[in-house]
Protein backbone atom coordinates (compact mmCIF):
# COMPACT_ATOMS: atom_id res chain seq x y z
CA MET A 1 83.58 96.08 94.19
CA PRO A 2 83.84 93.26 96.76
CA LEU A 3 86.32 93.75 99.59
CA ALA A 4 88.05 90.52 98.55
CA LEU A 5 89.38 92.34 95.49
CA TYR A 6 91.22 94.78 97.69
CA ALA A 7 92.78 91.87 99.59
CA LEU A 8 94.27 90.78 96.25
CA THR A 9 95.36 94.37 95.64
CA ALA A 10 97.33 94.30 98.91
CA GLY A 11 99.23 91.23 97.73
CA ALA A 12 99.87 92.79 94.32
CA PHE A 13 101.19 95.93 96.03
CA GLY A 14 103.70 93.99 98.09
CA ILE A 15 104.91 91.98 95.11
CA GLY A 16 105.29 95.14 93.03
CA VAL A 17 107.38 96.86 95.69
CA THR A 18 109.62 93.81 96.11
CA GLU A 19 110.29 93.51 92.40
CA PHE A 20 111.12 97.14 91.67
CA VAL A 21 112.43 98.76 94.87
CA ILE A 22 115.85 97.13 94.61
CA MET A 23 116.63 99.44 91.67
CA GLY A 24 116.64 102.48 93.94
CA LEU A 25 118.84 100.68 96.49
CA LEU A 26 121.61 99.35 94.23
CA LEU A 27 124.21 101.75 95.59
CA ASP A 28 123.30 100.95 99.20
CA VAL A 29 123.30 97.18 98.66
CA SER A 30 126.58 97.22 96.72
CA ALA A 31 128.31 99.31 99.40
CA ASP A 32 126.98 97.30 102.34
CA LEU A 33 127.72 93.86 100.87
CA GLY A 34 130.96 94.85 99.18
CA VAL A 35 129.94 94.01 95.61
CA SER A 36 129.97 96.03 92.39
CA ILE A 37 126.95 97.95 91.12
CA SER A 38 126.61 95.49 88.24
CA ALA A 39 126.63 92.55 90.69
CA ALA A 40 123.91 94.27 92.72
CA GLY A 41 121.98 94.71 89.47
CA MET A 42 122.02 90.95 89.01
CA LEU A 43 119.67 90.72 92.01
CA ILE A 44 117.04 91.98 89.57
CA SER A 45 117.97 89.30 87.05
CA GLY A 46 117.80 86.67 89.77
CA TYR A 47 114.28 87.78 90.72
CA ALA A 48 113.13 87.76 87.10
CA LEU A 49 114.51 84.28 86.51
CA GLY A 50 112.78 83.15 89.70
CA VAL A 51 109.48 84.28 88.20
CA VAL A 52 110.22 82.38 84.98
CA VAL A 53 111.10 79.17 86.85
CA GLY A 54 108.53 79.51 89.61
CA ALA A 55 105.43 79.77 87.41
CA PRO A 56 105.61 76.31 85.78
CA LEU A 57 107.12 74.70 88.89
CA LEU A 58 104.42 75.86 91.29
CA GLY A 59 101.78 75.25 88.63
CA ALA A 60 102.78 71.58 88.44
CA ILE A 61 102.82 71.17 92.22
CA THR A 62 99.67 73.10 93.15
CA GLY A 63 97.45 72.61 90.10
CA ARG A 64 94.62 70.99 92.09
CA TRP A 65 94.77 73.14 95.23
CA SER A 66 91.87 75.42 96.11
CA LYS A 67 92.53 78.93 94.86
CA LYS A 68 92.21 80.53 98.29
CA THR A 69 94.65 78.04 99.82
CA LEU A 70 97.09 78.63 96.98
CA LEU A 71 96.88 82.43 97.29
CA ILE A 72 97.64 82.22 101.01
CA ALA A 73 100.51 79.78 100.39
CA LEU A 74 101.98 82.07 97.74
CA MET A 75 101.88 85.04 100.10
CA VAL A 76 103.58 82.92 102.78
CA VAL A 77 106.38 82.18 100.30
CA PHE A 78 106.54 85.88 99.42
CA THR A 79 106.70 86.94 103.09
CA ALA A 80 109.31 84.33 104.01
CA GLY A 81 111.43 85.42 101.04
CA ASN A 82 111.37 89.07 102.08
CA LEU A 83 112.20 88.15 105.67
CA ALA A 84 115.19 86.21 104.35
CA CYS A 85 116.23 89.26 102.31
CA ALA A 86 116.13 91.45 105.41
CA LEU A 87 118.31 88.97 107.34
CA ALA A 88 120.69 88.02 104.49
CA PRO A 89 124.30 88.14 105.79
CA ASP A 90 125.91 88.20 102.34
CA TYR A 91 125.31 88.71 98.63
CA TRP A 92 124.58 85.11 97.67
CA THR A 93 122.13 84.61 100.51
CA LEU A 94 120.34 87.75 99.37
CA MET A 95 120.29 86.41 95.80
CA ALA A 96 118.78 83.10 96.96
CA ALA A 97 116.17 84.95 99.01
CA ARG A 98 115.23 87.11 96.01
CA VAL A 99 114.75 84.02 93.86
CA LEU A 100 112.59 82.38 96.54
CA THR A 101 110.44 85.51 96.78
CA ALA A 102 110.01 85.58 93.00
CA PHE A 103 108.50 82.09 92.94
CA ALA A 104 105.21 83.59 94.19
CA HIS A 105 105.02 86.32 91.54
CA ALA A 106 103.51 84.87 88.36
CA SER A 107 101.30 82.32 90.11
CA PHE A 108 99.81 84.98 92.40
CA PHE A 109 98.78 87.17 89.49
CA GLY A 110 97.53 84.21 87.46
CA VAL A 111 95.41 82.70 90.24
CA GLY A 112 94.42 86.14 91.53
CA SER A 113 93.02 87.07 88.12
CA VAL A 114 90.81 83.97 88.10
CA VAL A 115 89.60 84.68 91.64
CA ALA A 116 88.95 88.35 90.83
CA THR A 117 86.77 87.55 87.81
CA GLY A 118 84.80 85.05 89.89
CA LEU A 119 83.88 87.69 92.46
CA VAL A 120 81.93 89.98 90.11
CA PRO A 121 79.28 89.80 87.37
CA ALA A 122 80.37 89.02 83.81
CA ASN A 123 80.19 92.67 82.74
CA LYS A 124 82.72 93.72 85.41
CA LYS A 125 85.42 91.06 84.99
CA ALA A 126 87.94 93.36 83.32
CA SER A 127 87.34 96.03 85.97
CA ALA A 128 87.92 93.45 88.70
CA ILE A 129 91.29 92.46 87.24
CA ALA A 130 92.15 96.15 86.90
CA VAL A 131 91.43 96.69 90.60
CA MET A 132 93.80 93.89 91.53
CA PHE A 133 96.55 95.20 89.25
CA THR A 134 96.12 98.64 90.78
CA GLY A 135 98.37 97.23 93.48
CA LEU A 136 101.27 97.21 91.00
CA THR A 137 100.54 100.78 89.98
CA VAL A 138 100.40 102.03 93.57
CA ALA A 139 103.59 100.09 94.27
CA ASN A 140 105.42 102.03 91.56
CA ILE A 141 103.90 105.41 92.41
CA LEU A 142 104.13 105.27 96.22
CA GLY A 143 105.63 102.02 97.44
CA VAL A 144 108.87 102.05 95.46
CA PRO A 145 109.73 105.72 96.15
CA PHE A 146 108.89 105.28 99.85
CA GLY A 147 110.84 102.02 100.01
CA THR A 148 113.80 103.72 98.34
CA TRP A 149 113.69 106.60 100.84
CA LEU A 150 113.32 104.19 103.76
CA GLY A 151 116.27 102.10 102.61
CA GLN A 152 118.50 105.11 102.05
CA ALA A 153 117.56 106.67 105.40
CA TYR A 154 117.63 103.58 107.64
CA GLY A 155 119.53 100.98 105.62
CA TRP A 156 118.34 98.83 102.74
CA ARG A 157 117.30 96.02 105.09
CA SER A 158 114.60 98.24 106.58
CA THR A 159 112.82 98.24 103.21
CA PHE A 160 112.58 94.44 103.23
CA TRP A 161 111.36 94.46 106.83
CA ALA A 162 108.59 96.83 105.73
CA VAL A 163 107.61 94.63 102.78
CA THR A 164 107.60 91.59 105.09
CA LEU A 165 105.00 93.42 107.17
CA VAL A 166 102.95 94.07 104.01
CA GLY A 167 103.08 90.33 103.32
CA VAL A 168 101.77 89.50 106.79
CA ILE A 169 98.90 91.95 106.31
CA ALA A 170 98.12 90.51 102.85
CA ILE A 171 97.99 86.97 104.26
CA ALA A 172 95.54 88.11 106.93
CA VAL A 173 93.17 89.99 104.62
CA ILE A 174 93.20 87.22 101.98
CA ALA A 175 92.40 84.64 104.66
CA LEU A 176 89.63 86.86 106.04
CA LEU A 177 88.02 88.25 102.88
CA VAL A 178 88.56 85.90 99.94
CA PRO A 179 85.73 83.32 99.82
CA ARG A 180 86.48 79.62 100.16
CA ASP A 181 86.45 77.41 97.09
CA LYS A 182 86.83 73.71 96.46
CA PRO A 183 90.02 72.10 95.18
CA SER A 184 90.02 71.39 91.45
CA SER A 185 89.15 67.83 90.47
CA GLY A 186 89.68 68.27 86.75
CA GLN A 187 92.76 67.65 84.68
CA GLU A 188 95.07 70.55 84.05
CA GLU A 189 96.34 71.37 80.62
CA SER A 190 98.59 68.59 79.41
CA SER A 191 102.21 68.98 78.48
CA GLY A 192 101.15 68.12 74.94
CA SER A 193 98.88 71.14 74.75
CA ALA A 194 101.67 73.28 76.16
CA LEU A 195 104.02 72.10 73.45
CA ALA A 196 101.32 72.72 70.85
CA VAL A 197 101.00 76.35 71.90
CA LEU A 198 104.75 76.87 72.05
CA GLY A 199 105.14 75.19 68.69
CA ARG A 200 103.11 77.86 66.90
CA ARG A 201 105.49 80.17 65.09
CA ALA A 202 103.21 83.19 65.60
CA VAL A 203 103.22 82.63 69.38
CA GLN A 204 107.00 82.15 69.39
CA LEU A 205 107.54 85.44 67.55
CA GLY A 206 105.10 87.21 69.86
CA LEU A 207 106.93 85.96 72.95
CA LEU A 208 110.28 86.94 71.42
CA THR A 209 108.93 90.45 70.77
CA THR A 210 107.92 90.70 74.44
CA VAL A 211 111.33 89.51 75.65
CA LEU A 212 113.27 91.94 73.45
CA SER A 213 111.11 94.95 74.26
CA TRP A 214 111.61 94.45 78.00
CA VAL A 215 115.30 93.77 77.66
CA GLY A 216 115.45 97.39 76.50
CA VAL A 217 113.23 98.63 79.34
CA PHE A 218 115.22 96.96 82.11
CA ALA A 219 118.65 97.59 80.65
CA GLY A 220 117.83 101.27 81.14
CA PHE A 221 115.68 101.17 84.27
CA THR A 222 117.82 98.83 86.38
CA TYR A 223 120.65 101.36 86.66
CA ILE A 224 118.54 104.50 86.87
CA ALA A 225 119.75 105.36 90.41
CA PRO A 226 123.50 105.34 89.60
CA ILE A 227 122.82 107.18 86.32
CA LEU A 228 120.97 109.94 88.17
CA THR A 229 123.55 110.29 90.94
CA GLU A 230 126.82 109.70 89.09
CA ILE A 231 126.06 111.32 85.71
CA THR A 232 123.15 113.72 86.16
CA GLY A 233 124.43 114.93 89.54
CA PHE A 234 121.37 114.36 91.72
CA SER A 235 121.72 113.44 95.37
CA GLU A 236 120.56 110.01 96.52
CA ALA A 237 117.65 111.71 98.28
CA ALA A 238 116.39 112.99 94.91
CA VAL A 239 116.12 109.51 93.38
CA SER A 240 112.93 108.66 95.28
CA PRO A 241 110.79 111.59 94.00
CA ILE A 242 112.17 111.09 90.47
CA LEU A 243 110.95 107.51 90.60
CA MET A 244 107.50 108.93 91.32
CA VAL A 245 107.73 110.77 87.99
CA PHE A 246 108.50 107.44 86.32
CA GLY A 247 105.49 105.95 88.10
CA GLY A 248 103.24 108.72 86.82
CA GLY A 249 104.49 108.01 83.32
CA LEU A 250 103.71 104.33 83.55
CA ILE A 251 100.10 105.06 84.55
CA VAL A 252 99.63 107.31 81.53
CA GLY A 253 101.35 104.84 79.21
CA ASN A 254 99.40 101.86 80.54
CA ILE A 255 96.04 103.58 80.04
CA LEU A 256 96.96 105.04 76.66
CA GLY A 257 98.45 101.79 75.36
CA GLY A 258 95.36 99.83 76.38
CA ARG A 259 92.88 102.25 74.84
CA LEU A 260 94.79 102.57 71.58
CA ALA A 261 95.29 98.80 71.34
CA ASP A 262 91.54 98.29 71.63
CA LYS A 263 91.08 100.47 68.56
CA ARG A 264 94.09 99.56 66.38
CA LEU A 265 96.30 96.85 67.80
CA VAL A 266 99.07 96.54 65.23
CA PRO A 267 99.82 100.28 64.80
CA THR A 268 99.82 100.65 68.59
CA LEU A 269 102.21 97.74 69.01
CA LEU A 270 104.66 99.02 66.40
CA GLY A 271 104.33 102.64 67.46
CA SER A 272 104.95 101.87 71.14
CA LEU A 273 108.16 100.02 70.28
CA VAL A 274 109.39 102.93 68.17
CA ALA A 275 108.51 105.39 70.96
CA LEU A 276 110.39 103.29 73.51
CA ALA A 277 113.53 103.22 71.36
CA LEU A 278 113.38 106.97 70.69
CA VAL A 279 112.94 107.86 74.37
CA LEU A 280 115.90 105.67 75.36
CA PHE A 281 118.06 107.29 72.67
CA ALA A 282 116.97 110.74 73.87
CA MET A 283 117.89 109.87 77.46
CA THR A 284 121.52 109.43 76.39
CA PHE A 285 121.70 113.20 75.94
CA ALA A 286 119.05 114.24 78.48
CA ILE A 287 120.80 112.65 81.48
CA HIS A 288 123.40 115.43 81.34
CA SER A 289 120.71 117.97 82.26
CA GLN A 290 118.74 117.60 85.47
CA VAL A 291 115.54 119.09 84.06
CA LEU A 292 115.65 117.08 80.84
CA ALA A 293 116.54 113.92 82.75
CA VAL A 294 113.39 114.17 84.87
CA VAL A 295 111.22 114.85 81.81
CA THR A 296 112.60 111.93 79.82
CA ILE A 297 112.28 109.56 82.78
CA GLY A 298 108.57 110.37 82.86
CA LEU A 299 108.40 109.72 79.11
CA PHE A 300 110.38 106.52 79.61
CA GLY A 301 107.75 105.24 82.06
CA ALA A 302 104.98 106.10 79.60
CA ALA A 303 106.71 104.50 76.61
CA ALA A 304 107.66 101.37 78.56
CA PHE A 305 104.19 100.61 79.84
CA ALA A 306 102.47 101.60 76.60
CA THR A 307 103.91 98.35 75.21
CA VAL A 308 102.37 96.09 77.86
CA ALA A 309 98.73 95.85 76.74
CA PRO A 310 99.51 95.54 73.00
CA LEU A 311 102.09 92.82 73.64
CA GLN A 312 99.76 90.87 75.91
CA ILE A 313 96.77 91.11 73.57
CA TRP A 314 98.86 90.24 70.52
CA VAL A 315 100.18 87.01 72.07
CA LEU A 316 96.69 86.05 73.26
CA GLN A 317 95.33 86.51 69.74
CA LYS A 318 98.06 84.32 68.26
CA ALA A 319 97.39 81.57 70.81
CA GLU A 320 93.67 81.36 70.10
CA GLY A 321 91.05 79.27 71.88
CA ALA A 322 92.03 76.97 74.71
CA GLY A 323 95.69 77.87 74.50
CA GLN A 324 95.20 81.49 75.53
CA GLY A 325 95.55 80.93 79.27
CA LEU A 326 98.78 79.06 78.78
CA ALA A 327 100.11 81.67 76.35
CA SER A 328 99.31 84.39 78.87
CA SER A 329 101.45 82.69 81.53
CA PHE A 330 104.29 82.27 79.06
CA ASN A 331 104.05 85.95 78.18
CA ILE A 332 104.40 86.90 81.87
CA ALA A 333 107.49 84.72 81.91
CA ALA A 334 108.68 86.46 78.73
CA PHE A 335 108.39 89.89 80.36
CA ASN A 336 110.47 88.69 83.30
CA LEU A 337 113.02 86.96 81.09
CA GLY A 338 113.43 90.32 79.37
CA ASN A 339 113.90 91.91 82.80
CA ALA A 340 116.67 89.46 83.66
CA ILE A 341 118.53 89.82 80.37
CA GLY A 342 118.14 93.60 80.47
CA ALA A 343 119.71 93.88 83.93
CA TRP A 344 122.59 91.68 82.76
CA LEU A 345 123.03 93.73 79.56
CA GLY A 346 123.25 96.97 81.54
CA GLY A 347 125.83 95.44 83.86
CA PHE A 348 127.85 94.21 80.87
CA VAL A 349 127.89 97.72 79.40
CA ILE A 350 129.17 99.08 82.74
CA ASP A 351 131.85 96.44 83.27
CA HIS A 352 133.11 95.97 79.70
CA GLY A 353 132.39 99.35 78.12
CA PRO A 354 131.37 101.77 76.91
CA GLY A 355 130.23 102.50 80.50
CA LEU A 356 127.32 103.76 82.60
CA GLY A 357 126.54 106.76 80.38
CA ALA A 358 126.06 104.53 77.31
CA ILE A 359 123.47 102.19 78.83
CA THR A 360 120.48 104.10 77.47
CA TRP A 361 121.56 104.12 73.83
CA VAL A 362 122.50 100.44 73.98
CA ALA A 363 119.11 99.78 75.58
CA GLY A 364 117.42 101.75 72.80
CA LEU A 365 118.75 99.36 70.16
CA VAL A 366 116.90 96.39 71.64
CA PRO A 367 113.30 97.63 71.07
CA LEU A 368 114.30 98.14 67.44
CA ALA A 369 115.15 94.43 67.34
CA ALA A 370 111.73 93.74 68.87
CA LEU A 371 110.19 95.92 66.14
CA ALA A 372 111.97 93.87 63.46
CA VAL A 373 110.62 90.62 64.95
CA ALA A 374 107.09 92.04 65.09
CA ILE A 375 107.28 93.13 61.45
CA LEU A 376 108.56 89.67 60.48
CA ALA A 377 105.63 88.08 62.30
CA LEU A 378 103.15 90.37 60.54
CA ARG A 379 104.65 89.57 57.13
CA ARG A 380 104.46 85.83 57.82
CA GLU A 381 100.85 86.24 58.89
CA LYS A 382 99.99 88.18 55.75
CA HIS A 383 101.76 85.60 53.58
CA SER A 384 99.79 82.79 55.27
CA GLU A 385 96.51 84.62 54.66
CA GLN A 386 97.37 85.04 50.99
CA LEU A 387 98.19 81.34 50.64
CA ALA A 388 95.04 80.18 52.44
CA PRO A 389 92.56 80.81 49.55
CA ALA A 390 94.89 79.13 47.08
CA VAL A 391 95.18 76.06 49.31
CA ALA A 392 91.43 75.95 49.92
CA CYS A 393 90.53 76.35 46.23
CA PRO A 394 93.34 74.93 44.05
CA GLY A 395 92.92 75.83 40.41
CA ALA A 396 90.34 78.51 41.16
CA ALA A 397 92.38 81.15 39.39
CA GLU A 398 92.80 79.15 36.21
């Protein structure tokens, strides 16, 4: 694989650490800034909403930039945002810095995917994208646990200083290794085509399924550190290695979900949502045992990321043709909208009852709602297919 792919991987690694490491530092941030745990959890919601807003905003502003220039600019935004996080004097400054950092997220992965596929022959395009997204996997396996340990040992700000350094390195290697390209002279997709894609009921239901499934994931995952320390009885030092177990689970789930979805998409989609709900329900009881808590957190990672490939492929299929690229960007936004709502939901359960120990069973209800939406979409699709012959051949059954 070309070295330029690994430059993209470096950027993906930094973005992955920034998004997820805050979960292991909630207690440290809340204590240092004098805010509640649920308020600290909203820093995750703020980041997710920044991704949702940043993708269309930056897309409108930079649509005709060269891809290399845009990638470098996005990493500059990312690096500046992390530097601002490290220097933030108070909670609201930190929130603003998190939102700024998030603006680079969706656009980097969207543009990076296009660049990655252009670096390799046609028969290696999927592998090229996989190499870039390896950065996210490594971020969860190594970066997030290390960042959590670093923040707990030397203060949470040290983690953001470290990620700022990663951003500087990513800017350098992208500038050095990614080949130059010319700015786009063509017209981008019109707002009319965007509305056409969003107006399709099948796409709407697919996006809603994505949102709901990841509301459940992040309602549980956002508060994993306080659950482990305050309910399960682990020390703060133990949170970092336990997050590595979660990371191992997500690798297994991601691979398994992708392979199964290639063979039988619909059963994999429905089955992964059921598995996610069941694991979250099981965690309600397992978190009272240290051994069972670690096991179920690994299963949680697997179940959560087993949904990703089926959800993405399903939405792409419903979009069809020229609308697929646009639908893909909306689905990334849908994942992050689910992240934001999930973090808020978990905080609501803490602040207004029934409390920290009930987060996982409340979270488990949401994938069941996603399952219901998916089943509704499938029934509508089947009904449409049954009506199609009758519309095409009226009176044929006379």
